[in-house]
């Protein structure tokens, strides 16, 4: 066992410095008290590496846009670096939730999809494709999220995926009634999304009926 000649304490394991005064320990090494967490080390390294790359991209984009004044093709009427900045902030927010402990797959999926839909809509607005995104891209993303959360509900043992599936079903149903109420018409893409939502809801009732009823009762405090 090692000891500190200044603090007069014994220190087990294979530490090199005293935990109190940071002086060099003397004596023989022992086996580690705690195993090396290789997975945590890899996650920490990956997070720092991607953060460093993101910072490089942000600094380069801001320099090219504001200092070098590089135009973005025919879309030269706005600062394109701000879009890149928003996308990278959204990416970092998603990465933080992916690595956050206690986050189940359904919650991560729902958060990431909401972030991506918001960023796609903002980007499409600047490039003049907002209606295409609202009528095509977002309905497809909603349908894919509903199907993915339905699959997760089938394999989920904790029951946490059900609340996200029910929320996604509402997101798939509400736009149809909003369009019918305001415009007396609804795009075919949102009508297909409505169809998929009802089919998945029926499937959830058949396979996970008790969980569906229980989740609705909890949310409505019935």
Protein backbone atom coordinates (compact mmCIF):
# COMPACT_ATOMS: atom_id res chain seq x y z
CA UNK A 1 0.00 0.00 0.00
CA UNK A 2 1.19 3.50 -0.80
CA UNK A 3 1.34 6.36 1.67
CA UNK A 4 1.74 10.13 1.62
CA UNK A 5 4.85 11.37 3.48
CA UNK A 6 3.19 14.74 4.14
CA UNK A 7 -0.40 13.87 5.07
CA UNK A 8 0.64 10.64 6.82
CA UNK A 9 -2.20 8.63 5.28
CA UNK A 10 -2.29 5.27 3.52
CA UNK A 11 -3.75 5.21 0.02
CA UNK A 12 -4.88 1.97 -1.60
CA UNK A 13 -5.04 1.15 -5.28
CA UNK A 14 -2.60 2.42 -7.89
CA UNK A 15 -2.93 6.19 -7.49
CA UNK A 16 0.20 8.21 -8.23
CA UNK A 17 -0.64 11.32 -6.19
CA UNK A 18 -2.15 11.96 -2.79
CA UNK A 19 -5.89 12.76 -3.04
CA UNK A 20 -5.47 15.46 -0.34
CA UNK A 21 -2.29 17.38 -1.15
CA UNK A 22 -1.46 16.01 -4.63
CA UNK A 23 2.05 15.09 -3.51
CA UNK A 24 3.70 12.02 -5.02
CA UNK A 25 2.92 8.82 -3.13
CA UNK A 26 5.58 6.35 -2.05
CA UNK A 27 5.26 2.60 -1.73
CA UNK A 28 4.08 -0.34 -3.81
CA UNK A 29 1.10 -0.30 -6.18
CA UNK A 30 -1.93 -2.44 -5.44
CA UNK A 31 -4.76 -3.65 -7.66
CA UNK A 32 -7.26 -1.03 -8.76
CA UNK A 33 -10.17 -0.56 -6.40
CA UNK A 34 -12.54 0.18 -9.28
CA UNK A 35 -12.50 -1.31 -12.81
CA UNK A 36 -11.75 0.93 -15.77
CA UNK A 37 -14.94 2.13 -17.46
CA UNK A 38 -13.92 1.72 -21.10
CA UNK A 39 -17.40 2.49 -22.41
CA UNK A 40 -17.60 5.76 -20.50
CA UNK A 41 -14.12 6.71 -21.66
CA UNK A 42 -15.08 6.02 -25.28
CA UNK A 43 -18.30 8.03 -24.95
CA UNK A 44 -16.41 10.92 -23.37
CA UNK A 45 -13.78 10.88 -26.13
CA UNK A 46 -16.43 10.68 -28.87
CA UNK A 47 -18.41 13.55 -27.36
CA UNK A 48 -15.32 15.77 -27.09
CA UNK A 49 -14.21 14.86 -30.62
CA UNK A 50 -17.55 15.68 -32.24
CA UNK A 51 -17.79 18.88 -30.17
CA UNK A 52 -14.35 19.94 -31.42
CA UNK A 53 -15.37 19.23 -35.04
CA UNK A 54 -18.63 21.16 -34.58
CA UNK A 55 -16.72 24.15 -33.19
CA UNK A 56 -14.37 24.07 -36.20
CA UNK A 57 -17.33 24.07 -38.60
CA UNK A 58 -19.08 26.92 -36.74
CA UNK A 59 -15.97 29.12 -36.64
CA UNK A 60 -15.20 28.42 -40.30
CA UNK A 61 -18.77 29.15 -41.40
CA UNK A 62 -18.93 32.42 -39.47
CA UNK A 63 -15.55 33.46 -40.87
CA UNK A 64 -16.54 32.67 -44.47
CA UNK A 65 -19.91 34.40 -44.09
CA UNK A 66 -19.08 37.53 -42.09
CA UNK A 67 -15.35 38.10 -42.68
CA UNK A 68 -14.75 36.64 -46.14
CA UNK A 69 -18.38 37.43 -47.16
CA UNK A 70 -18.71 34.28 -49.25
CA UNK A 71 -22.21 34.13 -50.85
CA UNK A 72 -24.24 30.93 -50.78
CA UNK A 73 -24.92 30.46 -54.49
CA UNK A 74 -28.01 32.30 -55.68
CA UNK A 75 -29.29 32.55 -52.10
CA UNK A 76 -27.18 35.54 -51.16
CA UNK A 77 -29.75 37.60 -49.33
CA UNK A 78 -29.18 36.16 -45.87
CA UNK A 79 -26.37 35.01 -43.60
CA UNK A 80 -26.22 31.29 -44.37
CA UNK A 81 -23.86 30.67 -41.45
CA UNK A 82 -26.77 31.26 -39.05
CA UNK A 83 -28.59 28.27 -40.55
CA UNK A 84 -25.50 26.12 -40.08
CA UNK A 85 -25.24 27.42 -36.53
CA UNK A 86 -28.86 26.46 -35.79
CA UNK A 87 -28.42 22.99 -37.31
CA UNK A 88 -25.27 22.33 -35.29
CA UNK A 89 -26.87 23.55 -32.06
CA UNK A 90 -29.79 21.22 -32.77
CA UNK A 91 -27.31 18.41 -33.44
CA UNK A 92 -25.54 19.04 -30.13
CA UNK A 93 -28.86 19.14 -28.28
CA UNK A 94 -29.75 15.76 -29.79
CA UNK A 95 -26.35 14.27 -28.94
CA UNK A 96 -26.69 15.38 -25.32
CA UNK A 97 -30.04 13.59 -25.05
CA UNK A 98 -28.65 10.46 -26.71
CA UNK A 99 -25.86 10.22 -24.11
CA UNK A 100 -28.06 11.28 -21.19
CA UNK A 101 -28.69 8.48 -18.71
CA UNK A 102 -32.24 7.28 -18.20
CA UNK A 103 -33.43 8.30 -21.67
CA UNK A 104 -35.38 5.52 -23.38
CA UNK A 105 -35.39 5.02 -27.15
CA UNK A 106 -38.93 6.36 -27.68
CA UNK A 107 -38.20 9.62 -25.91
CA UNK A 108 -34.92 10.13 -27.77
CA UNK A 109 -36.64 9.38 -31.09
CA UNK A 110 -39.48 11.82 -30.42
CA UNK A 111 -37.15 14.62 -29.31
CA UNK A 112 -34.82 14.18 -32.29
CA UNK A 113 -37.72 14.08 -34.78
CA UNK A 114 -39.25 17.27 -33.36
CA UNK A 115 -35.89 19.04 -33.58
CA UNK A 116 -35.29 17.87 -37.15
CA UNK A 117 -38.79 18.87 -38.27
CA UNK A 118 -38.37 22.35 -36.79
CA UNK A 119 -34.97 22.82 -38.41
CA UNK A 120 -36.16 21.51 -41.78
CA UNK A 121 -39.11 23.92 -41.69
CA UNK A 122 -36.88 26.90 -40.85
CA UNK A 123 -34.39 25.96 -43.57
CA UNK A 124 -37.17 25.45 -46.12
CA UNK A 125 -38.60 28.87 -45.27
CA UNK A 126 -35.31 30.57 -46.17
CA UNK A 127 -34.97 28.63 -49.43
CA UNK A 128 -38.60 28.99 -50.47
CA UNK A 129 -39.68 25.35 -50.03
CA UNK A 130 -41.80 25.69 -46.90
CA UNK A 131 -45.04 24.43 -48.45
CA UNK A 132 -43.27 21.39 -49.90
CA UNK A 133 -41.92 20.55 -46.45
CA UNK A 134 -45.28 21.10 -44.74
CA UNK A 135 -47.18 18.99 -47.28
CA UNK A 136 -44.64 16.23 -47.96
CA UNK A 137 -41.60 16.01 -45.70
CA UNK A 138 -43.22 16.52 -42.29
CA UNK A 139 -46.14 14.10 -42.89
CA UNK A 140 -43.68 11.40 -43.97
CA UNK A 141 -41.53 12.03 -40.88
CA UNK A 142 -44.60 11.86 -38.63
CA UNK A 143 -45.71 8.56 -40.19
CA UNK A 144 -42.24 7.05 -39.84
CA UNK A 145 -42.08 8.15 -36.20
CA UNK A 146 -45.50 6.63 -35.48
CA UNK A 147 -44.49 3.29 -37.00
CA UNK A 148 -41.12 3.32 -35.18
CA UNK A 149 -42.74 4.06 -31.81
CA UNK A 150 -45.32 1.33 -32.44
CA UNK A 151 -42.47 -1.15 -32.95
CA UNK A 152 -40.77 0.12 -29.80
CA UNK A 153 -44.02 -0.37 -27.88
CA UNK A 154 -44.06 -4.00 -28.97
CA UNK A 155 -40.59 -4.65 -27.54
CA UNK A 156 -40.68 -2.20 -24.63
CA UNK A 157 -40.83 -3.84 -21.20
CA UNK A 158 -41.16 -0.71 -19.06
CA UNK A 159 -44.22 0.74 -20.81
CA UNK A 160 -42.66 4.18 -21.28
CA UNK A 161 -42.97 4.04 -25.07
CA UNK A 162 -46.77 4.10 -25.02
CA UNK A 163 -47.10 7.77 -24.04
CA UNK A 164 -44.89 8.82 -26.97
CA UNK A 165 -46.86 6.63 -29.37
CA UNK A 166 -50.14 8.20 -28.26
CA UNK A 167 -48.63 11.68 -28.59
CA UNK A 168 -47.42 10.88 -32.11
CA UNK A 169 -50.89 9.60 -33.01
CA UNK A 170 -52.38 12.94 -31.97
CA UNK A 171 -49.78 14.74 -34.08
CA UNK A 172 -50.79 12.57 -37.03
CA UNK A 173 -54.52 13.18 -36.56
CA UNK A 174 -54.83 16.86 -35.56
CA UNK A 175 -53.49 18.42 -38.84
CA UNK A 176 -56.30 16.79 -40.83
CA UNK A 177 -59.03 18.36 -38.70
CA UNK A 178 -57.21 21.71 -38.66
CA UNK A 179 -57.04 21.73 -42.47
CA UNK A 180 -60.69 20.69 -42.81
CA UNK A 181 -61.79 23.38 -40.36
CA UNK A 182 -59.74 26.23 -41.81
CA UNK A 183 -59.44 25.37 -45.51
CA UNK A 184 -62.31 22.90 -46.08
CA UNK A 185 -59.69 20.72 -47.73
CA UNK A 186 -56.70 18.62 -46.70
CA UNK A 187 -53.55 17.59 -48.60
CA UNK A 188 -53.44 13.91 -49.54
CA UNK A 189 -50.24 13.43 -47.53
CA UNK A 190 -51.92 14.40 -44.26
CA UNK A 191 -54.92 12.23 -45.17
CA UNK A 192 -52.55 9.26 -45.55
CA UNK A 193 -50.98 10.23 -42.22
CA UNK A 194 -54.47 10.17 -40.68
CA UNK A 195 -55.05 6.69 -42.13
CA UNK A 196 -51.73 5.40 -40.77
CA UNK A 197 -52.50 6.91 -37.36
CA UNK A 198 -55.85 5.11 -37.09
CA UNK A 199 -54.34 1.82 -38.28
CA UNK A 200 -51.53 2.03 -35.71
CA UNK A 201 -54.02 3.01 -32.99
CA UNK A 202 -56.13 -0.07 -33.77
CA UNK A 203 -52.97 -2.19 -33.68
CA UNK A 204 -52.02 -0.70 -30.31
CA UNK A 205 -55.50 -1.50 -28.96
CA UNK A 206 -55.28 -5.10 -30.19
CA UNK A 207 -51.75 -5.85 -28.98
CA UNK A 208 -51.39 -3.47 -26.01
CA UNK A 209 -54.97 -2.64 -25.05
CA UNK A 210 -54.45 -2.51 -21.29
CA UNK A 211 -51.40 -0.26 -21.61
CA UNK A 212 -53.28 2.10 -23.95
CA UNK A 213 -56.24 2.39 -21.57
CA UNK A 214 -53.98 2.74 -18.54
CA UNK A 215 -51.88 5.46 -20.17
CA UNK A 216 -54.97 7.43 -21.24
CA UNK A 217 -56.41 7.17 -17.73
CA UNK A 218 -53.16 8.39 -16.18
CA UNK A 219 -52.90 11.36 -18.53
CA UNK A 220 -56.55 12.33 -18.06
CA UNK A 221 -56.44 11.59 -14.31
CA UNK A 222 -59.47 9.32 -14.65
